[in-house]
Amino acid sequence: MKAPATQEDTVLADPRSDPRWHQLALGSHGSVFTSPPWISAICATYGFTPAAALRLGWDGQPRAGVAWVPINDIRGDRISSLPFSDRAEPLTDDPADWKALTSGVITAAAPLTLRCFDTAVPAGDPRFARIAAAAWHGTPLHGGIEDIRRRLSQHARRNISISERDGVRVEARTDRDAVHQFHGLHVALRKHKYRLLAQPVDLFDHIWSAFAPGNGIVTMLAHAGDELIAGAMFLAWGGSWYYKFGASRHDHLALRPNDAIFWAGIRWAVEQEARLVDWGLSDLDQPGLVSYKRKWATEERQIVTLRAGGEHARSHAEAGPMLGELTRLFTEETVPDEVTKQAGALLYRYFC
């Protein structure tokens, strides 16, 4: 007969399938990035195996948790909580629980990196060094749709009117084909504007497969006439809708298609009775993106990147420059977009 749980119990779990993790991830500290569907999609795409530690109360119910992914590849050994995620706060605000959860995760063999709000418990942990910061924006959805529109910046309201006047049409699509249409825009934008590789289409397929059964994904596609000119993907978790990916064609920006999509995303979230639209992470070295999201958001916070351990980690200093040079070569204008797309599918897993 199993002994009753005590307050000191810490157990390991698979965050993709353990119902105790699912329960915690729906709580106040959870986000789409700690949700089982997101973790499942990331791990299925890149071949990762996640782990989680849970703290159990006297009754055996989970009261705290943290998840991570160990990574061993050409860049060396490291631990991420969690890879390719805007943020992944631990599912607790108790420093004692946090210390217990990470006692076997922070080691000299591999550095542990995580992103979280600067008010989360790891931000005050002296074991961690702060290595980067970013902005976060959110739009609360209290009040009716007209109240929300009035709370937007004057600039945002004007751009909504421009897109409506010029006939930009936004479709809200929940099918897999819409995800594929968006991915084509995404590859082109990252290549031609940012000289970056795009995430593989397999990731988008896995995200759709993970979130669609719970009606947790919508792809907004903006058209000028019959031409696709912009798109975005929103994901739902815990009463919020998350703007995760967006792309547009530069030659149609005068029509303000991104503003049309943001407004359509807000209206969709209101119809789904959500409490918040989460606009995600914006790097501080992209002030244009930060300013753009400020037009739509009434909440702004800071996300910090923290790192601990790894003093004796295996690493390969030459891997980063090599990946940078391969990215430069595969995003040259003379390289066909299909080749750039395939390069992203091959190399993107190493960028975490």
Protein backbone atom coordinates (compact mmCIF):
# COMPACT_ATOMS: atom_id res chain seq x y z
CA MET A 1 0.00 0.00 0.00
CA LYS A 2 1.40 3.38 -1.04
CA ALA A 3 2.31 5.68 1.81
CA PRO A 4 0.42 9.00 1.96
CA ALA A 5 2.15 11.97 0.40
CA THR A 6 3.88 14.52 2.58
CA GLN A 7 4.64 18.18 1.99
CA GLU A 8 8.20 17.21 1.17
CA ASP A 9 7.35 14.93 -1.76
CA THR A 10 8.96 15.82 -5.09
CA VAL A 11 8.19 13.50 -8.01
CA LEU A 12 9.21 13.40 -11.66
CA ALA A 13 6.60 13.48 -14.42
CA ASP A 14 6.13 13.81 -18.16
CA PRO A 15 4.54 17.25 -18.71
CA ARG A 16 3.04 16.11 -22.00
CA SER A 17 0.76 13.54 -20.40
CA ASP A 18 0.70 13.75 -16.61
CA PRO A 19 -2.71 15.06 -15.42
CA ARG A 20 -1.07 16.69 -12.41
CA TRP A 21 1.05 18.88 -14.67
CA HIS A 22 -2.02 19.67 -16.77
CA GLN A 23 -3.82 20.80 -13.62
CA LEU A 24 -0.98 23.11 -12.59
CA ALA A 25 -0.54 24.48 -16.12
CA LEU A 26 -4.14 25.72 -16.08
CA GLY A 27 -3.45 27.67 -12.87
CA SER A 28 -2.42 31.28 -12.42
CA HIS A 29 1.27 30.62 -13.13
CA GLY A 30 0.68 28.63 -16.31
CA SER A 31 0.74 29.85 -19.89
CA VAL A 32 0.42 28.33 -23.34
CA PHE A 33 4.20 27.69 -23.20
CA THR A 34 3.89 25.40 -20.18
CA SER A 35 0.78 23.71 -21.58
CA PRO A 36 0.92 20.02 -22.55
CA PRO A 37 -0.11 20.74 -26.19
CA TRP A 38 2.72 23.23 -26.71
CA ILE A 39 5.36 21.06 -25.03
CA SER A 40 4.14 18.07 -27.06
CA ALA A 41 4.34 19.97 -30.35
CA ILE A 42 7.85 21.29 -29.69
CA CYS A 43 9.19 17.92 -28.59
CA ALA A 44 7.54 16.01 -31.45
CA THR A 45 9.09 18.40 -33.98
CA TYR A 46 12.64 18.47 -32.67
CA GLY A 47 12.96 15.06 -31.06
CA PHE A 48 13.25 16.32 -27.49
CA THR A 49 12.23 14.40 -24.38
CA PRO A 50 10.85 16.71 -21.66
CA ALA A 51 10.81 16.19 -17.91
CA ALA A 52 9.06 17.88 -15.02
CA ALA A 53 9.37 17.95 -11.26
CA LEU A 54 6.21 18.25 -9.15
CA ARG A 55 5.77 19.12 -5.49
CA LEU A 56 2.83 17.33 -3.89
CA GLY A 57 0.77 18.35 -0.89
CA TRP A 58 -0.42 16.17 2.00
CA ASP A 59 -3.35 14.99 -0.11
CA GLY A 60 -1.16 14.03 -3.08
CA GLN A 61 -2.38 16.97 -5.14
CA PRO A 62 0.22 18.99 -7.07
CA ARG A 63 1.03 22.41 -5.69
CA ALA A 64 4.17 23.39 -7.66
CA GLY A 65 6.09 22.32 -10.74
CA VAL A 66 8.78 23.11 -13.25
CA ALA A 67 9.49 21.52 -16.64
CA TRP A 68 12.64 21.37 -18.73
CA VAL A 69 14.23 19.74 -21.75
CA PRO A 70 17.82 18.38 -21.72
CA ILE A 71 19.58 19.11 -25.01
CA ASN A 72 22.74 17.40 -26.26
CA ASP A 73 23.80 18.36 -29.78
CA ILE A 74 26.55 19.98 -31.85
CA ARG A 75 26.40 23.11 -29.66
CA GLY A 76 27.04 21.13 -26.50
CA ASP A 77 25.00 20.19 -23.41
CA ARG A 78 22.36 22.45 -21.93
CA ILE A 79 18.96 22.44 -20.24
CA SER A 80 16.11 24.68 -21.37
CA SER A 81 12.91 25.52 -19.55
CA LEU A 82 11.46 25.50 -22.10
CA PRO A 83 12.96 25.62 -25.65
CA PHE A 84 11.40 27.86 -28.29
CA SER A 85 9.05 29.44 -25.74
CA ASP A 86 8.48 33.15 -25.10
CA ARG A 87 8.50 32.42 -21.38
CA ALA A 88 7.94 29.48 -19.06
CA GLU A 89 7.41 30.55 -15.46
CA PRO A 90 7.70 27.81 -12.86
CA LEU A 91 4.26 26.82 -11.65
CA THR A 92 4.79 28.24 -8.18
CA ASP A 93 5.55 31.48 -6.37
CA ASP A 94 6.94 29.78 -3.28
CA PRO A 95 10.77 30.10 -2.98
CA ALA A 96 11.05 26.92 -0.89
CA ASP A 97 9.15 24.86 -3.44
CA TRP A 98 11.17 26.43 -6.26
CA LYS A 99 14.46 25.51 -4.59
CA ALA A 100 13.30 21.93 -4.02
CA LEU A 101 12.10 21.58 -7.61
CA THR A 102 15.46 22.65 -9.05
CA SER A 103 17.79 20.94 -6.58
CA GLY A 104 18.68 18.20 -9.06
CA VAL A 105 18.32 20.28 -12.23
CA ILE A 106 20.92 22.97 -11.61
CA THR A 107 24.27 21.20 -11.96
CA ALA A 108 27.77 21.97 -13.17
CA ALA A 109 27.33 19.58 -16.12
CA ALA A 110 24.86 21.69 -18.13
CA PRO A 111 23.56 25.26 -17.78
CA LEU A 112 19.85 25.72 -17.07
CA THR A 113 18.28 28.61 -19.00
CA LEU A 114 14.75 29.91 -18.54
CA ARG A 115 12.63 32.92 -19.44
CA CYS A 116 10.07 34.33 -17.04
CA PHE A 117 8.45 37.55 -15.92
CA ASP A 118 10.81 39.61 -13.81
CA THR A 119 8.40 39.20 -10.89
CA ALA A 120 8.55 35.38 -10.97
CA VAL A 121 10.36 33.51 -8.21
CA PRO A 122 13.50 32.61 -10.27
CA ALA A 123 14.23 36.30 -10.87
CA GLY A 124 15.10 36.63 -7.18
CA ASP A 125 17.13 33.43 -6.99
CA PRO A 126 20.83 34.26 -6.39
CA ARG A 127 21.87 31.08 -8.19
CA PHE A 128 20.78 32.64 -11.50
CA ALA A 129 22.44 35.35 -13.58
CA ARG A 130 20.27 37.63 -15.70
CA ILE A 131 21.56 37.47 -19.28
CA ALA A 132 18.84 39.24 -21.31
CA ALA A 133 15.55 41.11 -21.07
CA ALA A 134 12.57 41.62 -23.36
CA ALA A 135 9.16 43.29 -23.34
CA TRP A 136 5.76 41.64 -22.96
CA HIS A 137 2.38 43.11 -23.87
CA GLY A 138 -1.20 42.12 -23.18
CA THR A 139 -4.69 43.41 -23.90
CA PRO A 140 -7.32 42.67 -21.21
CA LEU A 141 -10.73 42.00 -22.71
CA HIS A 142 -13.04 43.36 -20.03
CA GLY A 143 -15.97 45.43 -21.29
CA GLY A 144 -17.61 45.20 -24.68
CA ILE A 145 -15.85 45.24 -28.04
CA GLU A 146 -16.45 48.98 -28.50
CA ASP A 147 -14.96 49.67 -25.06
CA ILE A 148 -11.89 47.66 -26.06
CA ARG A 149 -11.60 49.58 -29.33
CA ARG A 150 -11.73 52.90 -27.47
CA ARG A 151 -8.90 51.73 -25.19
CA LEU A 152 -6.60 51.11 -28.18
CA SER A 153 -4.21 53.86 -29.23
CA GLN A 154 -5.42 56.47 -31.68
CA HIS A 155 -2.87 55.14 -34.17
CA ALA A 156 -4.27 51.60 -33.95
CA ARG A 157 -7.84 52.83 -34.41
CA ARG A 158 -6.83 54.87 -37.44
CA ASN A 159 -5.07 51.89 -39.04
CA ILE A 160 -8.11 49.67 -38.44
CA SER A 161 -10.20 52.23 -40.31
CA ILE A 162 -7.68 52.35 -43.18
CA SER A 163 -7.73 48.58 -43.58
CA GLU A 164 -11.54 48.54 -43.51
CA ARG A 165 -11.77 51.41 -46.02
CA ASP A 166 -9.32 49.71 -48.41
CA GLY A 167 -11.21 46.42 -48.34
CA VAL A 168 -8.77 44.19 -46.48
CA ARG A 169 -10.63 40.97 -45.76
CA VAL A 170 -9.57 38.77 -42.82
CA GLU A 171 -10.58 35.13 -42.62
CA ALA A 172 -10.55 33.27 -39.30
CA ARG A 173 -9.57 29.72 -40.23
CA THR A 174 -9.27 26.66 -38.00
CA ASP A 175 -8.20 24.13 -40.66
CA ARG A 176 -4.73 22.71 -41.31
CA ASP A 177 -4.49 24.14 -44.84
CA ALA A 178 -4.66 27.68 -43.42
CA VAL A 179 -1.61 26.89 -41.30
CA HIS A 180 0.27 25.79 -44.43
CA GLN A 181 -0.74 28.98 -46.28
CA PHE A 182 0.53 31.05 -43.38
CA HIS A 183 3.81 29.14 -43.26
CA GLY A 184 4.63 30.22 -46.82
CA LEU A 185 4.33 33.87 -45.76
CA HIS A 186 6.36 33.14 -42.64
CA VAL A 187 9.28 31.60 -44.57
CA ALA A 188 9.37 34.52 -47.03
CA LEU A 189 9.25 37.21 -44.32
CA ARG A 190 12.00 35.69 -42.18
CA LYS A 191 14.21 35.21 -45.22
CA HIS A 192 13.76 38.47 -47.11
CA LYS A 193 13.31 40.92 -44.20
CA TYR A 194 15.33 39.41 -41.36
CA ARG A 195 17.77 37.06 -43.16
CA LEU A 196 16.70 34.26 -40.80
CA LEU A 197 15.59 30.69 -41.31
CA ALA A 198 12.00 29.76 -40.48
CA GLN A 199 10.73 27.05 -38.21
CA PRO A 200 9.89 23.86 -40.12
CA VAL A 201 6.36 23.30 -41.38
CA ASP A 202 6.35 20.15 -39.24
CA LEU A 203 6.23 22.39 -36.16
CA PHE A 204 3.11 24.10 -37.44
CA ASP A 205 1.53 20.74 -38.24
CA HIS A 206 2.28 19.48 -34.74
CA ILE A 207 0.91 22.67 -33.17
CA TRP A 208 -2.28 22.35 -35.18
CA SER A 209 -2.66 18.67 -34.26
CA ALA A 210 -2.11 19.44 -30.57
CA PHE A 211 -4.43 22.46 -30.26
CA ALA A 212 -7.16 21.84 -32.85
CA PRO A 213 -9.02 19.10 -30.91
CA GLY A 214 -9.73 21.62 -28.12
CA ASN A 215 -10.60 24.47 -30.52
CA GLY A 216 -7.41 26.14 -29.36
CA ILE A 217 -5.96 27.42 -32.63
CA VAL A 218 -7.05 29.97 -35.22
CA THR A 219 -5.12 31.25 -38.23
CA MET A 220 -6.02 34.73 -39.43
CA LEU A 221 -5.40 35.27 -43.14
CA ALA A 222 -5.70 38.77 -44.63
CA HIS A 223 -6.50 39.22 -48.31
CA ALA A 224 -6.49 42.12 -50.75
CA GLY A 225 -8.93 40.88 -53.33
CA ASP A 226 -7.93 37.26 -53.85
CA GLU A 227 -4.28 37.81 -52.84
CA LEU A 228 -2.97 36.61 -49.49
CA ILE A 229 -1.02 39.51 -47.97
CA ALA A 230 -0.68 38.75 -44.24
CA GLY A 231 -1.38 36.10 -41.64
CA ALA A 232 -1.08 35.25 -37.96
CA MET A 233 -1.54 32.26 -35.68
CA PHE A 234 -3.27 32.51 -32.30
CA LEU A 235 -3.34 29.76 -29.66
CA ALA A 236 -5.68 29.40 -26.68
CA TRP A 237 -4.84 28.24 -23.19
CA GLY A 238 -6.29 28.93 -19.76
CA GLY A 239 -8.68 31.69 -20.80
CA SER A 240 -6.16 33.66 -22.89
CA TRP A 241 -5.45 33.81 -26.61
CA TYR A 242 -1.76 34.05 -27.53
CA TYR A 243 -0.45 35.74 -30.66
CA LYS A 244 2.41 33.41 -31.57
CA PHE A 245 3.40 33.90 -35.22
CA GLY A 246 2.77 36.70 -37.70
CA ALA A 247 3.91 37.53 -41.23
CA SER A 248 2.99 39.92 -44.01
CA ARG A 249 4.05 40.99 -47.49
CA HIS A 250 6.02 44.23 -47.50
CA ASP A 251 4.47 45.48 -50.75
CA HIS A 252 0.99 45.62 -49.18
CA LEU A 253 1.77 47.23 -45.81
CA ALA A 254 0.07 50.48 -46.86
CA LEU A 255 -3.24 48.59 -46.57
CA ARG A 256 -2.48 47.99 -42.86
CA PRO A 257 -3.15 44.22 -43.04
CA ASN A 258 -1.38 43.52 -39.73
CA ASP A 259 -3.67 45.97 -37.96
CA ALA A 260 -6.66 44.26 -39.55
CA ILE A 261 -5.37 40.92 -38.26
CA PHE A 262 -4.69 42.18 -34.74
CA TRP A 263 -8.19 43.63 -34.55
CA ALA A 264 -9.66 40.38 -35.93
CA GLY A 265 -7.67 38.45 -33.30
CA ILE A 266 -9.07 40.61 -30.51
CA ARG A 267 -12.63 40.20 -31.78
CA TRP A 268 -12.16 36.43 -32.08
CA ALA A 269 -10.88 36.24 -28.51
CA VAL A 270 -13.87 38.25 -27.26
CA GLU A 271 -16.25 35.90 -29.07
CA GLN A 272 -14.49 32.98 -27.35
CA GLU A 273 -15.04 34.72 -23.97
CA ALA A 274 -11.30 35.04 -23.31
CA ARG A 275 -9.99 37.38 -20.65
CA LEU A 276 -6.74 38.44 -22.34
CA VAL A 277 -4.88 38.61 -25.63
CA ASP A 278 -1.20 37.92 -24.96
CA TRP A 279 0.97 39.57 -27.62
CA GLY A 280 4.08 37.72 -26.46
CA LEU A 281 7.76 38.58 -26.29
CA SER A 282 9.40 41.50 -28.13
CA ASP A 283 13.17 41.88 -28.10
CA LEU A 284 14.27 45.28 -26.84
CA ASP A 285 16.59 45.64 -29.83
CA GLN A 286 13.46 45.74 -32.02
CA PRO A 287 11.96 49.06 -30.87
CA GLY A 288 9.63 49.16 -33.86
CA LEU A 289 7.97 45.92 -32.79
CA VAL A 290 7.73 47.09 -29.18
CA SER A 291 6.09 50.34 -30.31
CA TYR A 292 3.70 48.48 -32.58
CA LYS A 293 2.47 46.21 -29.79
CA ARG A 294 2.11 49.17 -27.43
CA LYS A 295 -0.58 50.51 -29.77
CA TRP A 296 -2.72 47.49 -28.91
CA ALA A 297 -1.78 46.71 -25.34
CA THR A 298 -2.76 48.30 -22.06
CA GLU A 299 -0.43 46.07 -20.04
CA GLU A 300 3.37 45.92 -20.38
CA ARG A 301 5.81 43.84 -18.38
CA GLN A 302 9.40 42.63 -18.63
CA ILE A 303 10.55 39.11 -19.45
CA VAL A 304 14.04 38.15 -18.29
CA THR A 305 16.33 35.36 -19.42
CA LEU A 306 18.14 33.66 -16.55
CA ARG A 307 20.93 31.09 -16.42
CA ALA A 308 22.44 28.94 -13.67
CA GLY A 309 24.96 26.11 -13.43
CA GLY A 310 26.93 24.59 -16.28
CA GLU A 311 30.41 25.47 -15.07
CA HIS A 312 31.77 22.22 -16.51
CA ALA A 313 29.37 21.85 -19.45
CA ARG A 314 30.48 20.33 -22.74
CA SER A 315 30.30 23.05 -25.39
CA HIS A 316 31.53 23.72 -28.91
CA ALA A 317 32.39 27.37 -29.46
CA GLU A 318 32.63 26.93 -33.22
CA ALA A 319 29.05 25.69 -33.61
CA GLY A 320 27.39 29.09 -33.19
CA PRO A 321 29.45 30.89 -35.85
CA MET A 322 28.99 27.93 -38.21
CA LEU A 323 25.20 28.05 -37.81
CA GLY A 324 25.28 31.81 -38.36
CA GLU A 325 27.22 31.41 -41.59
CA LEU A 326 24.91 28.66 -42.83
CA THR A 327 21.94 30.92 -42.09
CA ARG A 328 23.55 33.73 -44.09
CA LEU A 329 24.19 31.42 -47.05
CA PHE A 330 20.71 29.88 -47.09
CA THR A 331 18.94 33.25 -46.87
CA GLU A 332 20.75 34.87 -49.81
CA GLU A 333 18.31 36.35 -52.32
CA THR A 334 19.67 34.03 -55.01
CA VAL A 335 18.68 30.94 -52.99
CA PRO A 336 15.21 29.62 -53.87
CA ASP A 337 12.68 29.97 -51.04
CA GLU A 338 12.06 26.22 -51.11
CA VAL A 339 15.75 25.59 -50.35
CA THR A 340 15.61 28.14 -47.53
CA LYS A 341 12.54 26.35 -46.18
CA GLN A 342 14.34 22.98 -46.22
CA ALA A 343 17.39 24.51 -44.51
CA GLY A 344 15.15 25.75 -41.69
CA ALA A 345 13.70 22.27 -41.28
CA LEU A 346 17.22 20.86 -40.98
CA LEU A 347 18.89 23.49 -38.78
CA TYR A 348 16.28 25.25 -36.66
CA ARG A 349 16.43 22.75 -33.79
CA TYR A 350 19.96 23.98 -32.98
CA PHE A 351 18.85 27.57 -32.34
CA CYS A 352 17.56 26.98 -28.81
